[in-house]
N, C-alpha and C. Protein backbone atom coordinates (compact mmCIF):
# COMPACT_ATOMS: atom_id res chain seq x y z
N MET A 1 74.59 -39.37 -9.29
CA MET A 1 73.82 -40.18 -10.98
C MET A 1 74.23 -39.32 -12.14
N ARG A 2 74.84 -39.13 -12.98
CA ARG A 2 74.71 -38.47 -13.79
C ARG A 2 73.79 -39.10 -15.21
N ILE A 3 73.05 -37.26 -15.43
CA ILE A 3 72.30 -37.77 -16.71
C ILE A 3 72.74 -36.46 -17.65
N GLN A 4 72.99 -37.02 -18.81
CA GLN A 4 72.87 -36.39 -20.11
C GLN A 4 72.25 -35.67 -20.49
N LEU A 5 71.45 -34.12 -20.29
CA LEU A 5 70.06 -34.12 -21.06
C LEU A 5 70.56 -33.21 -22.23
N SER A 6 68.99 -33.73 -22.92
CA SER A 6 69.53 -32.74 -24.46
C SER A 6 69.29 -31.69 -23.64
N PRO A 7 69.64 -30.64 -24.88
CA PRO A 7 69.52 -29.65 -24.81
C PRO A 7 67.48 -28.90 -24.60
N SER A 8 67.17 -29.17 -25.51
CA SER A 8 65.78 -28.84 -24.30
C SER A 8 65.58 -29.55 -22.98
N GLU A 9 65.72 -30.53 -23.00
CA GLU A 9 65.93 -30.83 -21.30
C GLU A 9 66.23 -29.01 -20.00
N VAL A 10 67.81 -28.61 -20.98
CA VAL A 10 68.47 -27.94 -20.23
C VAL A 10 67.76 -26.91 -19.91
N GLN A 11 66.89 -26.29 -21.36
CA GLN A 11 66.30 -25.64 -21.69
C GLN A 11 64.70 -25.32 -21.38
N ARG A 12 64.47 -26.77 -20.47
CA ARG A 12 62.91 -26.84 -19.93
C ARG A 12 63.76 -26.10 -18.44
N TYR A 13 65.07 -27.12 -17.75
CA TYR A 13 64.88 -26.39 -16.22
C TYR A 13 65.76 -25.43 -15.93
N GLN A 14 65.70 -24.23 -16.93
CA GLN A 14 66.29 -23.11 -16.91
C GLN A 14 65.17 -22.68 -16.53
N ARG A 15 63.82 -22.24 -16.91
CA ARG A 15 63.67 -21.55 -17.12
C ARG A 15 63.19 -21.44 -15.26
N PRO A 16 62.34 -20.38 -15.50
CA PRO A 16 61.85 -19.41 -13.99
C PRO A 16 61.47 -20.15 -12.97
N VAL A 17 61.57 -20.85 -12.39
CA VAL A 17 59.52 -21.21 -10.95
C VAL A 17 59.23 -20.60 -10.02
N ARG A 18 58.51 -20.23 -9.64
CA ARG A 18 57.88 -19.13 -9.17
C ARG A 18 57.28 -20.70 -7.80
N GLY A 19 57.29 -19.63 -6.34
CA GLY A 19 56.81 -20.49 -5.42
C GLY A 19 57.57 -21.57 -4.53
N ARG A 20 57.56 -22.01 -4.12
CA ARG A 20 58.36 -22.13 -2.31
C ARG A 20 57.77 -24.15 -2.06
N GLY A 21 57.31 -25.00 -2.78
CA GLY A 21 56.65 -25.80 -2.14
C GLY A 21 58.30 -27.20 -2.57
N GLY A 22 57.88 -28.23 -2.06
CA GLY A 22 59.71 -28.68 -2.49
C GLY A 22 58.79 -28.82 -4.00
N PHE A 23 58.83 -30.01 -4.68
CA PHE A 23 58.85 -29.41 -6.46
C PHE A 23 59.39 -28.06 -6.82
N GLN A 24 58.77 -27.11 -6.65
CA GLN A 24 59.70 -26.61 -7.27
C GLN A 24 61.45 -25.83 -6.23
N THR A 25 61.88 -26.32 -4.98
CA THR A 25 62.86 -26.56 -4.55
C THR A 25 63.75 -27.59 -5.15
N LEU A 26 62.98 -29.11 -5.32
CA LEU A 26 63.58 -29.35 -6.37
C LEU A 26 63.53 -29.27 -8.12
N LEU A 27 63.14 -28.56 -7.93
CA LEU A 27 64.28 -27.97 -9.49
C LEU A 27 64.75 -26.74 -9.88
N ARG A 28 64.99 -25.96 -8.92
CA ARG A 28 65.88 -24.90 -8.51
C ARG A 28 67.40 -25.81 -7.99
N ARG A 29 67.16 -26.80 -7.23
CA ARG A 29 68.52 -28.21 -7.22
C ARG A 29 68.86 -28.80 -8.93
N ILE A 30 67.95 -28.61 -9.34
CA ILE A 30 68.55 -29.93 -10.57
C ILE A 30 69.14 -28.43 -11.35
N ALA A 31 68.42 -27.69 -11.39
CA ALA A 31 68.97 -26.05 -12.41
C ALA A 31 70.59 -26.32 -11.73
N ARG A 32 70.62 -26.12 -10.84
CA ARG A 32 72.15 -25.70 -10.30
C ARG A 32 73.14 -26.02 -10.64
N ASN A 33 72.65 -27.63 -10.63
CA ASN A 33 73.22 -28.81 -10.86
C ASN A 33 73.33 -29.57 -11.91
N ILE A 34 73.52 -28.92 -13.43
CA ILE A 34 73.80 -29.49 -14.44
C ILE A 34 75.31 -28.06 -14.63
N ASP A 35 76.00 -28.61 -15.93
CA ASP A 35 76.87 -28.29 -15.92
C ASP A 35 76.87 -27.75 -17.21
N SER A 36 77.60 -26.98 -18.15
CA SER A 36 77.96 -26.34 -19.02
C SER A 36 78.12 -27.94 -20.12
N ALA A 37 78.10 -28.46 -20.18
CA ALA A 37 78.05 -29.59 -21.17
C ALA A 37 76.25 -30.64 -21.03
N GLY A 38 76.08 -29.34 -20.42
CA GLY A 38 74.57 -30.40 -20.01
C GLY A 38 74.44 -31.85 -19.23
N VAL A 39 74.88 -31.78 -18.55
CA VAL A 39 75.28 -32.72 -17.63
C VAL A 39 73.97 -33.18 -16.18
N LEU A 40 73.12 -33.79 -15.68
CA LEU A 40 73.26 -33.38 -14.37
C LEU A 40 73.37 -34.59 -13.00
N GLU A 41 74.12 -33.47 -12.45
CA GLU A 41 74.20 -34.86 -11.24
C GLU A 41 73.72 -34.49 -10.06
N ILE A 42 73.16 -35.75 -9.85
CA ILE A 42 71.23 -35.75 -8.93
C ILE A 42 72.40 -37.10 -7.83
N THR A 43 71.42 -36.79 -6.64
CA THR A 43 72.04 -37.64 -5.63
C THR A 43 70.77 -38.74 -5.50
N ASP A 44 70.75 -39.76 -4.96
CA ASP A 44 69.78 -41.17 -4.70
C ASP A 44 68.48 -40.44 -4.79
N ASN A 45 68.29 -39.18 -3.34
CA ASN A 45 67.22 -38.10 -2.36
C ASN A 45 66.62 -37.53 -3.18
N ASP A 46 67.59 -37.25 -4.16
CA ASP A 46 67.15 -36.19 -5.25
C ASP A 46 66.54 -36.27 -6.68
N LEU A 47 67.01 -38.60 -7.31
CA LEU A 47 66.38 -38.75 -7.77
C LEU A 47 64.95 -39.83 -8.01
N GLU A 48 65.05 -40.31 -6.19
CA GLU A 48 63.31 -40.55 -6.37
C GLU A 48 62.35 -39.73 -5.87
N LYS A 49 62.81 -38.62 -5.64
CA LYS A 49 61.93 -37.31 -5.68
C LYS A 49 61.59 -36.44 -7.11
N LEU A 50 62.51 -36.85 -7.76
CA LEU A 50 62.05 -36.44 -9.31
C LEU A 50 61.07 -37.59 -10.32
N ILE A 51 62.05 -38.77 -9.93
CA ILE A 51 60.97 -40.12 -10.58
C ILE A 51 59.58 -40.02 -9.36
N ARG A 52 59.26 -39.72 -8.33
CA ARG A 52 57.96 -39.51 -7.28
C ARG A 52 56.81 -38.24 -7.78
N TYR A 53 57.67 -37.20 -8.12
CA TYR A 53 56.70 -36.37 -8.30
C TYR A 53 56.29 -36.45 -9.55
N SER A 54 56.94 -36.77 -10.48
CA SER A 54 56.94 -36.08 -11.86
C SER A 54 55.05 -37.47 -12.15
N PHE A 55 55.70 -39.29 -11.28
CA PHE A 55 54.21 -39.17 -11.84
C PHE A 55 53.38 -39.95 -11.60
N GLU A 56 53.73 -39.49 -9.59
CA GLU A 56 52.58 -40.16 -8.53
C GLU A 56 51.88 -38.34 -7.95
N TYR A 57 52.36 -37.17 -9.18
CA TYR A 57 50.78 -35.99 -7.85
C TYR A 57 50.68 -35.90 -9.18
N GLY A 58 50.16 -36.84 -10.69
CA GLY A 58 48.33 -35.33 -11.47
C GLY A 58 50.11 -35.53 -12.25
N GLN A 59 49.55 -34.02 -13.23
CA GLN A 59 49.25 -33.77 -13.92
C GLN A 59 50.12 -32.24 -14.09
N GLY A 60 50.46 -30.73 -14.53
CA GLY A 60 51.25 -29.67 -14.51
C GLY A 60 51.60 -29.32 -15.37
N GLY A 61 52.21 -27.91 -14.66
CA GLY A 61 53.82 -27.90 -15.26
C GLY A 61 54.98 -28.67 -15.03
N PHE A 62 55.52 -28.06 -13.97
CA PHE A 62 56.13 -28.77 -13.06
C PHE A 62 56.79 -30.55 -13.73
N GLN A 63 55.92 -31.15 -13.91
CA GLN A 63 55.64 -32.41 -13.88
C GLN A 63 56.04 -32.53 -15.81
N GLU A 64 55.33 -31.00 -16.36
CA GLU A 64 55.80 -31.88 -17.47
C GLU A 64 57.88 -31.72 -18.36
N ARG A 65 57.87 -30.96 -17.25
CA ARG A 65 60.09 -30.24 -17.53
C ARG A 65 60.38 -31.32 -16.75
N THR A 66 60.09 -31.96 -16.17
CA THR A 66 61.23 -32.86 -15.72
C THR A 66 60.31 -34.52 -16.25
N LYS A 67 58.84 -34.92 -16.94
CA LYS A 67 59.03 -36.63 -17.09
C LYS A 67 59.75 -37.17 -17.72
N ARG A 68 60.20 -36.38 -18.47
CA ARG A 68 61.57 -36.75 -20.15
C ARG A 68 62.46 -37.48 -18.89
N THR A 69 64.02 -36.89 -18.32
CA THR A 69 64.25 -36.95 -17.63
C THR A 69 63.92 -37.95 -16.25
N ALA A 70 62.46 -38.53 -16.16
CA ALA A 70 62.21 -39.51 -15.35
C ALA A 70 62.01 -40.90 -16.07
N ARG A 71 61.23 -41.02 -17.24
CA ARG A 71 61.57 -41.52 -16.88
C ARG A 71 62.98 -42.77 -17.50
N ARG A 72 63.67 -42.03 -18.44
CA ARG A 72 65.37 -42.69 -18.78
C ARG A 72 66.34 -42.73 -16.73
N ALA A 73 65.67 -41.75 -16.69
CA ALA A 73 66.32 -42.46 -14.58
C ALA A 73 65.62 -43.55 -14.91
N ARG A 74 64.03 -43.95 -14.36
CA ARG A 74 64.03 -44.85 -13.90
C ARG A 74 64.44 -46.27 -14.70
N ARG A 75 64.99 -46.39 -15.91
CA ARG A 75 64.81 -47.23 -16.66
C ARG A 75 67.03 -48.19 -15.97
């Protein structure tokens, strides 16, 4: 799937990620898959994780980075 990100979304995904958990790994993979035009190429598996991690695991800094993208992708 291809998702056009806003400049603010791109900026959020480009921030440093600390740690080695599942969400951190996903954020790094997402950041690597954003092209120069701000288009994210994401697999169905990673999209499912993005949505699940964004809404089912409480509130935090990582969730705030991803919720806007996850909401649009969920539609």
